[in-house]
Amino acid sequence: MSSKEATLLRRVTTASVAVAILLILMKLGATLSTNAISMMASLIDSTMDLFASLVTLFAVRIALQPPDEDHRFGHGKAEPLAALAQATFIAGSGVFLFIQAAQRLMNPQPMETADFGILVMLVSMIATAGLLIFQRYVIARTNSPAIKADAAHYGSDFIVNAATIAALWFTQQGAHWVDPLFGAAVGGFILFGAWRVGRTALDQLMDRELLDGTEEKIRQIAHAQPEVQAVGHIRTRMSGRTPTIQLYLYLSDATPLHEAHRIGDEVIEKIQESFPTADILLHEEPISALPRGCAQLI
């Protein structure tokens, strides 16, 4: 990773924590002022975002550490671990909101003036939009899974803030049932976001194969080399932001060892053109070593 990418990751995680603290302070004041479950929902959402941002901040700093004697493959999995922790706590906040909304439906409580709450939500939307623009910029240049997870939270925040304004307005007009129903809806939205983030993190932690056509593309690149007679044992996975690719090349039995390595190096270079950040491990084998029943590899 370049020093510029590392600097971007550090800056965006710091910005994320700062925005989360600002939003929590504003929404806490608005919740106390309005006594609205919709404001409480937004406050809980931002509190979870702060926790998630802190986890991301520390995880990114760990992931940026170079490989050492105890971690020869680097520290990239710190990022999906952070994303999984985020998903767990976010899911907990969604369940809590469901409980609060149900209690408010059974025991309605009057809401104070909504004007301050609406103003806070507008300021929150502006701050969130600025952070999202920065996060998208960093994601485009680093492909960080932890920043992707963080951006997913703040993207949902932007929608939640807009919907909170509508809920406050309708409640102020006398539709008191809108407030707890909105809180329940936000809880469901948060749970869905937690499921998406958690699923992606688990895929990486469990070394799931890249399922976007990567294997077929690798096979085509290798077969484009005239000396390659078969390709097999292709394996792929993600380690943080680094794709890991492994494959076997089957060459003519008459191919000298030095020539086999030259061919392998050329295939690696071609694969690297399509997957610039990939860690590629390639093994050359004579075609006579091709296992029986593996003609589909040719």
C-alpha atoms as a PDB file:
ATOM      1  CA  MET A   1       0.000   0.000   0.000  1.00  0.00           C
ATOM      2  CA  SER A   2       1.282   3.464  -0.876  1.00  0.00           C
ATOM      3  CA  SER A   3       1.885   6.108   1.772  1.00  0.00           C
ATOM      4  CA  LYS A   4      -0.828   8.247   0.151  1.00  0.00           C
ATOM      5  CA  GLU A   5      -3.416   5.486   0.589  1.00  0.00           C
ATOM      6  CA  ALA A   6      -2.351   4.955   4.200  1.00  0.00           C
ATOM      7  CA  THR A   7      -2.694   8.687   4.880  1.00  0.00           C
ATOM      8  CA  LEU A   8      -6.165   8.743   3.308  1.00  0.00           C
ATOM      9  CA  LEU A   9      -7.299   5.833   5.483  1.00  0.00           C
ATOM     10  CA  ARG A  10      -6.054   7.501   8.659  1.00  0.00           C
ATOM     11  CA  ARG A  11      -7.704  10.813   7.783  1.00  0.00           C
ATOM     12  CA  VAL A  12     -11.079   9.347   6.834  1.00  0.00           C
ATOM     13  CA  THR A  13     -11.299   7.250  10.016  1.00  0.00           C
ATOM     14  CA  THR A  14     -10.479  10.296  12.132  1.00  0.00           C
ATOM     15  CA  ALA A  15     -13.100  12.343  10.264  1.00  0.00           C
ATOM     16  CA  SER A  16     -15.660   9.592  10.797  1.00  0.00           C
ATOM     17  CA  VAL A  17     -15.131   9.610  14.579  1.00  0.00           C
ATOM     18  CA  ALA A  18     -15.319  13.417  14.715  1.00  0.00           C
ATOM     19  CA  VAL A  19     -18.594  13.526  12.764  1.00  0.00           C
ATOM     20  CA  ALA A  20     -20.105  10.764  14.916  1.00  0.00           C
ATOM     21  CA  ILE A  21     -19.308  12.668  18.135  1.00  0.00           C
ATOM     22  CA  LEU A  22     -20.822  15.867  16.695  1.00  0.00           C
ATOM     23  CA  LEU A  23     -24.023  14.081  15.648  1.00  0.00           C
ATOM     24  CA  ILE A  24     -24.427  12.355  19.022  1.00  0.00           C
ATOM     25  CA  LEU A  25     -24.146  15.616  20.949  1.00  0.00           C
ATOM     26  CA  MET A  26     -26.698  17.364  18.720  1.00  0.00           C
ATOM     27  CA  LYS A  27     -29.147  14.448  18.688  1.00  0.00           C
ATOM     28  CA  LEU A  28     -28.906  13.960  22.448  1.00  0.00           C
ATOM     29  CA  GLY A  29     -30.024  17.551  22.948  1.00  0.00           C
ATOM     30  CA  ALA A  30     -32.812  17.115  20.401  1.00  0.00           C
ATOM     31  CA  THR A  31     -34.006  13.859  22.017  1.00  0.00           C
ATOM     32  CA  LEU A  32     -34.243  15.487  25.434  1.00  0.00           C
ATOM     33  CA  SER A  33     -36.004  18.472  23.896  1.00  0.00           C
ATOM     34  CA  THR A  34     -38.613  16.622  21.823  1.00  0.00           C
ATOM     35  CA  ASN A  35     -39.134  13.325  23.766  1.00  0.00           C
ATOM     36  CA  ALA A  36     -39.605  11.660  20.350  1.00  0.00           C
ATOM     37  CA  ILE A  37     -38.864   7.987  19.756  1.00  0.00           C
ATOM     38  CA  SER A  38     -37.798   8.880  16.204  1.00  0.00           C
ATOM     39  CA  MET A  39     -35.120  11.202  17.610  1.00  0.00           C
ATOM     40  CA  MET A  40     -34.064   8.473  20.026  1.00  0.00           C
ATOM     41  CA  ALA A  41     -33.782   6.098  17.067  1.00  0.00           C
ATOM     42  CA  SER A  42     -31.528   8.527  15.246  1.00  0.00           C
ATOM     43  CA  LEU A  43     -29.459   9.088  18.411  1.00  0.00           C
ATOM     44  CA  ILE A  44     -28.964   5.336  18.914  1.00  0.00           C
ATOM     45  CA  ASP A  45     -28.036   4.961  15.265  1.00  0.00           C
ATOM     46  CA  SER A  46     -25.368   7.662  15.587  1.00  0.00           C
ATOM     47  CA  THR A  47     -24.084   6.160  18.852  1.00  0.00           C
ATOM     48  CA  MET A  48     -23.607   2.844  17.087  1.00  0.00           C
ATOM     49  CA  ASP A  49     -21.871   4.719  14.273  1.00  0.00           C
ATOM     50  CA  LEU A  50     -19.424   6.195  16.786  1.00  0.00           C
ATOM     51  CA  PHE A  51     -18.619   2.757  18.136  1.00  0.00           C
ATOM     52  CA  ALA A  52     -18.273   1.412  14.606  1.00  0.00           C
ATOM     53  CA  SER A  53     -16.043   4.311  13.595  1.00  0.00           C
ATOM     54  CA  LEU A  54     -13.777   3.773  16.609  1.00  0.00           C
ATOM     55  CA  VAL A  55     -13.497   0.081  15.790  1.00  0.00           C
ATOM     56  CA  THR A  56     -12.720   0.975  12.174  1.00  0.00           C
ATOM     57  CA  LEU A  57     -10.116   3.539  13.223  1.00  0.00           C
ATOM     58  CA  PHE A  58      -8.153   1.016  15.285  1.00  0.00           C
ATOM     59  CA  ALA A  59      -8.690  -1.828  12.796  1.00  0.00           C
ATOM     60  CA  VAL A  60      -7.359   0.204   9.871  1.00  0.00           C
ATOM     61  CA  ARG A  61      -4.266   1.155  11.858  1.00  0.00           C
ATOM     62  CA  ILE A  62      -3.653  -2.515  12.652  1.00  0.00           C
ATOM     63  CA  ALA A  63      -4.274  -3.549   9.035  1.00  0.00           C
ATOM     64  CA  LEU A  64      -1.758  -0.963   7.810  1.00  0.00           C
ATOM     65  CA  GLN A  65       1.040  -2.598   9.788  1.00  0.00           C
ATOM     66  CA  PRO A  66       3.478  -4.479   7.521  1.00  0.00           C
ATOM     67  CA  PRO A  67       3.935  -8.277   7.773  1.00  0.00           C
ATOM     68  CA  ASP A  68       6.059  -9.438  10.692  1.00  0.00           C
ATOM     69  CA  GLU A  69       7.461 -12.720  12.000  1.00  0.00           C
ATOM     70  CA  ASP A  70       4.155 -13.703  13.586  1.00  0.00           C
ATOM     71  CA  HIS A  71       1.946 -12.455  10.726  1.00  0.00           C
ATOM     72  CA  ARG A  72       3.740 -13.315   7.488  1.00  0.00           C
ATOM     73  CA  PHE A  73       0.618 -12.602   5.437  1.00  0.00           C
ATOM     74  CA  GLY A  74       0.129  -9.185   7.006  1.00  0.00           C
ATOM     75  CA  HIS A  75      -2.697  -7.896   9.208  1.00  0.00           C
ATOM     76  CA  GLY A  76      -5.384  -7.396   6.536  1.00  0.00           C
ATOM     77  CA  LYS A  77      -8.020  -9.496   8.306  1.00  0.00           C
ATOM     78  CA  ALA A  78      -8.246  -6.889  11.057  1.00  0.00           C
ATOM     79  CA  GLU A  79     -10.628  -5.022   8.751  1.00  0.00           C
ATOM     80  CA  PRO A  80     -13.267  -7.756   8.259  1.00  0.00           C
ATOM     81  CA  LEU A  81     -12.979  -8.528  11.983  1.00  0.00           C
ATOM     82  CA  ALA A  82     -13.850  -4.892  12.658  1.00  0.00           C
ATOM     83  CA  ALA A  83     -16.739  -5.061  10.207  1.00  0.00           C
ATOM     84  CA  LEU A  84     -18.103  -8.171  11.966  1.00  0.00           C
ATOM     85  CA  ALA A  85     -17.900  -6.424  15.347  1.00  0.00           C
ATOM     86  CA  GLN A  86     -19.745  -3.452  13.859  1.00  0.00           C
ATOM     87  CA  ALA A  87     -22.501  -5.702  12.508  1.00  0.00           C
ATOM     88  CA  THR A  88     -22.979  -7.328  15.924  1.00  0.00           C
ATOM     89  CA  PHE A  89     -23.403  -4.072  17.819  1.00  0.00           C
ATOM     90  CA  ILE A  90     -25.519  -2.483  15.104  1.00  0.00           C
ATOM     91  CA  ALA A  91     -27.881  -5.466  15.224  1.00  0.00           C
ATOM     92  CA  GLY A  92     -28.178  -4.979  18.976  1.00  0.00           C
ATOM     93  CA  SER A  93     -29.208  -1.348  18.503  1.00  0.00           C
ATOM     94  CA  GLY A  94     -31.866  -2.422  15.982  1.00  0.00           C
ATOM     95  CA  VAL A  95     -33.402  -4.863  18.479  1.00  0.00           C
ATOM     96  CA  PHE A  96     -33.360  -2.177  21.182  1.00  0.00           C
ATOM     97  CA  LEU A  97     -35.272   0.197  18.898  1.00  0.00           C
ATOM     98  CA  PHE A  98     -37.938  -2.423  18.234  1.00  0.00           C
ATOM     99  CA  ILE A  99     -38.472  -2.790  21.985  1.00  0.00           C
ATOM    100  CA  GLN A 100     -38.651   0.979  22.553  1.00  0.00           C
ATOM    101  CA  ALA A 101     -41.082   1.470  19.669  1.00  0.00           C
ATOM    102  CA  ALA A 102     -43.379  -1.300  20.944  1.00  0.00           C
ATOM    103  CA  GLN A 103     -43.431   0.248  24.422  1.00  0.00           C
ATOM    104  CA  ARG A 104     -44.238   3.673  22.992  1.00  0.00           C
ATOM    105  CA  LEU A 105     -47.088   2.240  20.900  1.00  0.00           C
ATOM    106  CA  MET A 106     -48.609   0.656  24.021  1.00  0.00           C
ATOM    107  CA  ASN A 107     -47.974   3.717  26.187  1.00  0.00           C
ATOM    108  CA  PRO A 108     -48.118   6.849  23.993  1.00  0.00           C
ATOM    109  CA  GLN A 109     -46.287   9.904  25.304  1.00  0.00           C
ATOM    110  CA  PRO A 110     -46.713  13.499  24.142  1.00  0.00           C
ATOM    111  CA  MET A 111     -43.948  15.058  22.068  1.00  0.00           C
ATOM    112  CA  GLU A 112     -42.626  18.516  22.759  1.00  0.00           C
ATOM    113  CA  THR A 113     -41.967  21.028  19.979  1.00  0.00           C
ATOM    114  CA  ALA A 114     -40.330  19.427  16.945  1.00  0.00           C
ATOM    115  CA  ASP A 115     -38.683  22.565  15.531  1.00  0.00           C
ATOM    116  CA  PHE A 116     -35.351  22.040  17.283  1.00  0.00           C
ATOM    117  CA  GLY A 117     -35.305  18.377  16.320  1.00  0.00           C
ATOM    118  CA  ILE A 118     -35.910  19.195  12.654  1.00  0.00           C
ATOM    119  CA  LEU A 119     -33.089  21.773  12.698  1.00  0.00           C
ATOM    120  CA  VAL A 120     -30.707  19.219  14.233  1.00  0.00           C
ATOM    121  CA  MET A 121     -31.629  16.677  11.557  1.00  0.00           C
ATOM    122  CA  LEU A 122     -30.917  19.161   8.762  1.00  0.00           C
ATOM    123  CA  VAL A 123     -27.466  19.950  10.192  1.00  0.00           C
ATOM    124  CA  SER A 124     -26.844  16.207  10.620  1.00  0.00           C
ATOM    125  CA  MET A 125     -27.685  15.550   6.963  1.00  0.00           C
ATOM    126  CA  ILE A 126     -25.197  18.198   5.808  1.00  0.00           C
ATOM    127  CA  ALA A 127     -22.403  16.798   8.029  1.00  0.00           C
ATOM    128  CA  THR A 128     -23.170  13.218   6.970  1.00  0.00           C
ATOM    129  CA  ALA A 129     -23.206  14.142   3.283  1.00  0.00           C
ATOM    130  CA  GLY A 130     -19.759  15.733   3.565  1.00  0.00           C
ATOM    131  CA  LEU A 131     -18.347  12.660   5.299  1.00  0.00           C
ATOM    132  CA  LEU A 132     -19.897  10.306   2.719  1.00  0.00           C
ATOM    133  CA  ILE A 133     -18.287  12.221  -0.140  1.00  0.00           C
ATOM    134  CA  PHE A 134     -14.891  11.859   1.552  1.00  0.00           C
ATOM    135  CA  GLN A 135     -15.475   8.164   2.274  1.00  0.00           C
ATOM    136  CA  ARG A 136     -16.470   7.396  -1.330  1.00  0.00           C
ATOM    137  CA  TYR A 137     -13.303   9.153  -2.492  1.00  0.00           C
ATOM    138  CA  VAL A 138     -11.156   7.003  -0.182  1.00  0.00           C
ATOM    139  CA  ILE A 139     -12.991   3.764  -1.094  1.00  0.00           C
ATOM    140  CA  ALA A 140     -12.387   4.402  -4.799  1.00  0.00           C
ATOM    141  CA  ARG A 141      -8.642   4.591  -4.117  1.00  0.00           C
ATOM    142  CA  THR A 142      -8.167   1.939  -1.408  1.00  0.00           C
ATOM    143  CA  ASN A 143     -11.106  -0.513  -1.687  1.00  0.00           C
ATOM    144  CA  SER A 144     -11.041  -0.811   2.116  1.00  0.00           C
ATOM    145  CA  PRO A 145     -13.759  -3.169   3.477  1.00  0.00           C
ATOM    146  CA  ALA A 146     -13.743  -1.393   6.845  1.00  0.00           C
ATOM    147  CA  ILE A 147     -14.361   1.996   5.217  1.00  0.00           C
ATOM    148  CA  LYS A 148     -17.058   0.415   3.031  1.00  0.00           C
ATOM    149  CA  ALA A 149     -18.794  -0.836   6.182  1.00  0.00           C
ATOM    150  CA  ASP A 150     -18.453   2.585   7.814  1.00  0.00           C
ATOM    151  CA  ALA A 151     -19.842   4.308   4.713  1.00  0.00           C
ATOM    152  CA  ALA A 152     -22.814   1.913   4.720  1.00  0.00           C
ATOM    153  CA  HIS A 153     -23.678   3.103   8.245  1.00  0.00           C
ATOM    154  CA  TYR A 154     -23.494   6.762   7.343  1.00  0.00           C
ATOM    155  CA  GLY A 155     -25.403   6.179   4.107  1.00  0.00           C
ATOM    156  CA  SER A 156     -28.241   4.712   6.143  1.00  0.00           C
ATOM    157  CA  ASP A 157     -27.883   7.652   8.544  1.00  0.00           C
ATOM    158  CA  PHE A 158     -28.573  10.089   5.733  1.00  0.00           C
ATOM    159  CA  ILE A 159     -31.829   8.296   4.895  1.00  0.00           C
ATOM    160  CA  VAL A 160     -32.767   7.953   8.567  1.00  0.00           C
ATOM    161  CA  ASN A 161     -32.205  11.668   9.188  1.00  0.00           C
ATOM    162  CA  ALA A 162     -34.453  12.622   6.273  1.00  0.00           C
ATOM    163  CA  ALA A 163     -37.170  10.236   7.429  1.00  0.00           C
ATOM    164  CA  THR A 164     -36.847  11.522  11.012  1.00  0.00           C
ATOM    165  CA  ILE A 165     -37.722  15.010   9.803  1.00  0.00           C
ATOM    166  CA  ALA A 166     -40.893  13.634   8.207  1.00  0.00           C
ATOM    167  CA  ALA A 167     -41.777  11.651  11.344  1.00  0.00           C
ATOM    168  CA  LEU A 168     -41.331  14.703  13.572  1.00  0.00           C
ATOM    169  CA  TRP A 169     -43.493  16.824  11.298  1.00  0.00           C
ATOM    170  CA  PHE A 170     -46.337  14.284  11.107  1.00  0.00           C
ATOM    171  CA  THR A 171     -46.256  13.772  14.870  1.00  0.00           C
ATOM    172  CA  GLN A 172     -46.399  17.517  15.422  1.00  0.00           C
ATOM    173  CA  GLN A 173     -49.528  17.578  13.246  1.00  0.00           C
ATOM    174  CA  GLY A 174     -51.223  15.124  15.593  1.00  0.00           C
ATOM    175  CA  ALA A 175     -50.369  11.732  14.016  1.00  0.00           C
ATOM    176  CA  HIS A 176     -48.720  10.390  17.187  1.00  0.00           C
ATOM    177  CA  TRP A 177     -48.613   6.813  15.896  1.00  0.00           C
ATOM    178  CA  VAL A 178     -46.100   7.835  13.211  1.00  0.00           C
ATOM    179  CA  ASP A 179     -43.296   8.375  15.740  1.00  0.00           C
ATOM    180  CA  PRO A 180     -43.096   4.815  17.208  1.00  0.00           C
ATOM    181  CA  LEU A 181     -43.792   3.201  13.845  1.00  0.00           C
ATOM    182  CA  PHE A 182     -40.897   5.129  12.390  1.00  0.00           C
ATOM    183  CA  GLY A 183     -38.691   3.954  15.254  1.00  0.00           C
ATOM    184  CA  ALA A 184     -39.605   0.347  14.457  1.00  0.00           C
ATOM    185  CA  ALA A 185     -38.911   0.919  10.753  1.00  0.00           C
ATOM    186  CA  VAL A 186     -35.474   2.334  11.559  1.00  0.00           C
ATOM    187  CA  GLY A 187     -34.811  -0.721  13.719  1.00  0.00           C
ATOM    188  CA  GLY A 188     -35.570  -2.986  10.766  1.00  0.00           C
ATOM    189  CA  PHE A 189     -33.411  -0.882   8.475  1.00  0.00           C
ATOM    190  CA  ILE A 190     -30.518  -1.088  10.936  1.00  0.00           C
ATOM    191  CA  LEU A 191     -30.867  -4.883  11.214  1.00  0.00           C
ATOM    192  CA  PHE A 192     -30.776  -5.223   7.430  1.00  0.00           C
ATOM    193  CA  GLY A 193     -27.628  -3.101   7.259  1.00  0.00           C
ATOM    194  CA  ALA A 194     -26.018  -5.204   9.991  1.00  0.00           C
ATOM    195  CA  TRP A 195     -26.815  -8.382   8.061  1.00  0.00           C
ATOM    196  CA  ARG A 196     -25.197  -7.037   4.864  1.00  0.00           C
ATOM    197  CA  VAL A 197     -22.042  -5.880   6.632  1.00  0.00           C
ATOM    198  CA  GLY A 198     -21.785  -9.081   8.670  1.00  0.00           C
ATOM    199  CA  ARG A 199     -22.236 -11.336   5.640  1.00  0.00           C
ATOM    200  CA  THR A 200     -19.422  -9.618   3.732  1.00  0.00           C
ATOM    201  CA  ALA A 201     -17.110  -9.799   6.759  1.00  0.00           C
ATOM    202  CA  LEU A 202     -17.828 -13.499   7.283  1.00  0.00           C
ATOM    203  CA  ASP A 203     -17.139 -14.217   3.604  1.00  0.00           C
ATOM    204  CA  GLN A 204     -13.651 -12.775   3.998  1.00  0.00           C
ATOM    205  CA  LEU A 205     -12.936 -14.381   7.361  1.00  0.00           C
ATOM    206  CA  MET A 206     -14.043 -17.773   6.022  1.00  0.00           C
ATOM    207  CA  ASP A 207     -11.876 -17.330   2.874  1.00  0.00           C
ATOM    208  CA  ARG A 208     -14.824 -17.567   0.509  1.00  0.00           C
ATOM    209  CA  GLU A 209     -13.939 -17.779  -3.177  1.00  0.00           C
ATOM    210  CA  LEU A 210     -14.303 -14.615  -5.243  1.00  0.00           C
ATOM    211  CA  LEU A 211     -17.601 -15.217  -7.028  1.00  0.00           C
ATOM    212  CA  ASP A 212     -17.554 -12.395  -9.576  1.00  0.00           C
ATOM    213  CA  GLY A 213     -16.129 -14.326 -12.537  1.00  0.00           C
ATOM    214  CA  THR A 214     -12.566 -13.984 -11.264  1.00  0.00           C
ATOM    215  CA  GLU A 215     -11.710 -17.680 -11.713  1.00  0.00           C
ATOM    216  CA  GLU A 216     -12.824 -17.788 -15.345  1.00  0.00           C
ATOM    217  CA  LYS A 217     -10.942 -14.575 -16.098  1.00  0.00           C
ATOM    218  CA  ILE A 218      -7.753 -16.037 -14.576  1.00  0.00           C
ATOM    219  CA  ARG A 219      -8.203 -19.215 -16.619  1.00  0.00           C
ATOM    220  CA  GLN A 220      -8.566 -17.197 -19.844  1.00  0.00           C
ATOM    221  CA  ILE A 221      -5.461 -15.122 -19.095  1.00  0.00           C
ATOM    222  CA  ALA A 222      -3.383 -18.253 -18.450  1.00  0.00           C
ATOM    223  CA  HIS A 223      -4.657 -20.071 -21.533  1.00  0.00           C
ATOM    224  CA  ALA A 224      -3.724 -17.055 -23.670  1.00  0.00           C
ATOM    225  CA  GLN A 225      -0.086 -18.078 -23.161  1.00  0.00           C
ATOM    226  CA  PRO A 226       0.636 -20.489 -26.085  1.00  0.00           C
ATOM    227  CA  GLU A 227       2.827 -22.865 -24.056  1.00  0.00           C
ATOM    228  CA  VAL A 228       0.160 -23.446 -21.392  1.00  0.00           C
ATOM    229  CA  GLN A 229      -1.642 -26.736 -22.050  1.00  0.00           C
ATOM    230  CA  ALA A 230      -3.914 -26.769 -19.010  1.00  0.00           C
ATOM    231  CA  VAL A 231      -4.802 -24.682 -15.962  1.00  0.00           C
ATOM    232  CA  GLY A 232      -6.030 -26.070 -12.678  1.00  0.00           C
ATOM    233  CA  HIS A 233      -6.324 -25.786  -8.905  1.00  0.00           C
ATOM    234  CA  ILE A 234      -7.394 -22.141  -9.164  1.00  0.00           C
ATOM    235  CA  ARG A 235      -8.145 -20.767  -5.702  1.00  0.00           C
ATOM    236  CA  THR A 236      -9.052 -17.216  -4.728  1.00  0.00           C
ATOM    237  CA  ARG A 237      -9.887 -15.326  -1.565  1.00  0.00           C
ATOM    238  CA  MET A 238      -9.725 -11.852  -0.074  1.00  0.00           C
ATOM    239  CA  SER A 239      -7.380 -10.939   2.772  1.00  0.00           C
ATOM    240  CA  GLY A 240      -8.508  -7.485   3.829  1.00  0.00           C
ATOM    241  CA  ARG A 241      -8.143  -5.448   0.644  1.00  0.00           C
ATOM    242  CA  THR A 242      -5.725  -7.895  -1.007  1.00  0.00           C
ATOM    243  CA  PRO A 243      -6.997 -10.603  -3.400  1.00  0.00           C
ATOM    244  CA  THR A 244      -5.034 -13.858  -3.087  1.00  0.00           C
ATOM    245  CA  ILE A 245      -4.804 -16.021  -6.230  1.00  0.00           C
ATOM    246  CA  GLN A 246      -3.305 -19.501  -6.527  1.00  0.00           C
ATOM    247  CA  LEU A 247      -3.137 -21.722  -9.625  1.00  0.00           C
ATOM    248  CA  TYR A 248      -1.272 -24.518 -11.396  1.00  0.00           C
ATOM    249  CA  LEU A 249       0.056 -24.305 -14.970  1.00  0.00           C
ATOM    250  CA  TYR A 250       0.469 -27.577 -16.888  1.00  0.00           C
ATOM    251  CA  LEU A 251       3.212 -27.434 -19.556  1.00  0.00           C
ATOM    252  CA  SER A 252       4.783 -29.852 -21.982  1.00  0.00           C
ATOM    253  CA  ASP A 253       6.960 -32.509 -20.342  1.00  0.00           C
ATOM    254  CA  ALA A 254       9.812 -31.376 -22.594  1.00  0.00           C
ATOM    255  CA  THR A 255       9.759 -27.802 -21.248  1.00  0.00           C
ATOM    256  CA  PRO A 256      13.076 -26.985 -19.465  1.00  0.00           C
ATOM    257  CA  LEU A 257      12.809 -25.771 -15.883  1.00  0.00           C
ATOM    258  CA  HIS A 258      14.107 -22.286 -16.648  1.00  0.00           C
ATOM    259  CA  GLU A 259      11.623 -21.989 -19.530  1.00  0.00           C
ATOM    260  CA  ALA A 260       8.761 -23.127 -17.306  1.00  0.00           C
ATOM    261  CA  HIS A 261       9.573 -20.376 -14.824  1.00  0.00           C
ATOM    262  CA  ARG A 262       9.736 -17.802 -17.621  1.00  0.00           C
ATOM    263  CA  ILE A 263       6.276 -18.828 -18.798  1.00  0.00           C
ATOM    264  CA  GLY A 264       4.965 -18.718 -15.230  1.00  0.00           C
ATOM    265  CA  ASP A 265       6.381 -15.232 -14.700  1.00  0.00           C
ATOM    266  CA  GLU A 266       4.708 -13.999 -17.876  1.00  0.00           C
ATOM    267  CA  VAL A 267       1.349 -15.418 -16.771  1.00  0.00           C
ATOM    268  CA  ILE A 268       1.749 -13.733 -13.379  1.00  0.00           C
ATOM    269  CA  GLU A 269       2.464 -10.410 -15.101  1.00  0.00           C
ATOM    270  CA  LYS A 270      -0.675 -10.753 -17.223  1.00  0.00           C
ATOM    271  CA  ILE A 271      -2.831 -11.637 -14.213  1.00  0.00           C
ATOM    272  CA  GLN A 272      -1.309  -8.733 -12.293  1.00  0.00           C
ATOM    273  CA  GLU A 273      -2.465  -6.363 -15.027  1.00  0.00           C
ATOM    274  CA  SER A 274      -6.076  -7.329 -14.303  1.00  0.00           C
ATOM    275  CA  PHE A 275      -5.606  -7.642 -10.530  1.00  0.00           C
ATOM    276  CA  PRO A 276      -2.926  -5.065  -9.627  1.00  0.00           C
ATOM    277  CA  THR A 277      -3.132  -5.536  -5.851  1.00  0.00           C
ATOM    278  CA  ALA A 278      -3.292  -9.343  -5.924  1.00  0.00           C
ATOM    279  CA  ASP A 279      -0.894 -11.695  -4.161  1.00  0.00           C
ATOM    280  CA  ILE A 280      -0.312 -14.442  -6.779  1.00  0.00           C
ATOM    281  CA  LEU A 281       1.141 -17.886  -6.155  1.00  0.00           C
ATOM    282  CA  LEU A 282       1.726 -19.966  -9.309  1.00  0.00           C
ATOM    283  CA  HIS A 283       3.083 -23.510  -9.643  1.00  0.00           C
ATOM    284  CA  GLU A 284       4.329 -25.094 -12.886  1.00  0.00           C
ATOM    285  CA  GLU A 285       3.665 -28.818 -13.537  1.00  0.00           C
ATOM    286  CA  PRO A 286       4.351 -31.192 -16.484  1.00  0.00           C
ATOM    287  CA  ILE A 287       1.223 -32.116 -18.435  1.00  0.00           C
ATOM    288  CA  SER A 288       1.819 -35.788 -17.592  1.00  0.00           C
ATOM    289  CA  ALA A 289       1.092 -34.895 -13.952  1.00  0.00           C
ATOM    290  CA  LEU A 290      -2.417 -33.750 -14.858  1.00  0.00           C
ATOM    291  CA  PRO A 291      -4.753 -35.881 -12.723  1.00  0.00           C
ATOM    292  CA  ARG A 292      -6.983 -38.335 -14.561  1.00  0.00           C
ATOM    293  CA  GLY A 293     -10.512 -37.109 -15.133  1.00  0.00           C
ATOM    294  CA  CYS A 294      -9.373 -33.469 -15.260  1.00  0.00           C
ATOM    295  CA  ALA A 295      -9.640 -32.994 -19.007  1.00  0.00           C
ATOM    296  CA  GLN A 296     -11.999 -30.060 -18.331  1.00  0.00           C
ATOM    297  CA  LEU A 297      -8.969 -28.103 -17.163  1.00  0.00           C
ATOM    298  CA  ILE A 298      -7.452 -28.154 -20.640  1.00  0.00           C
END
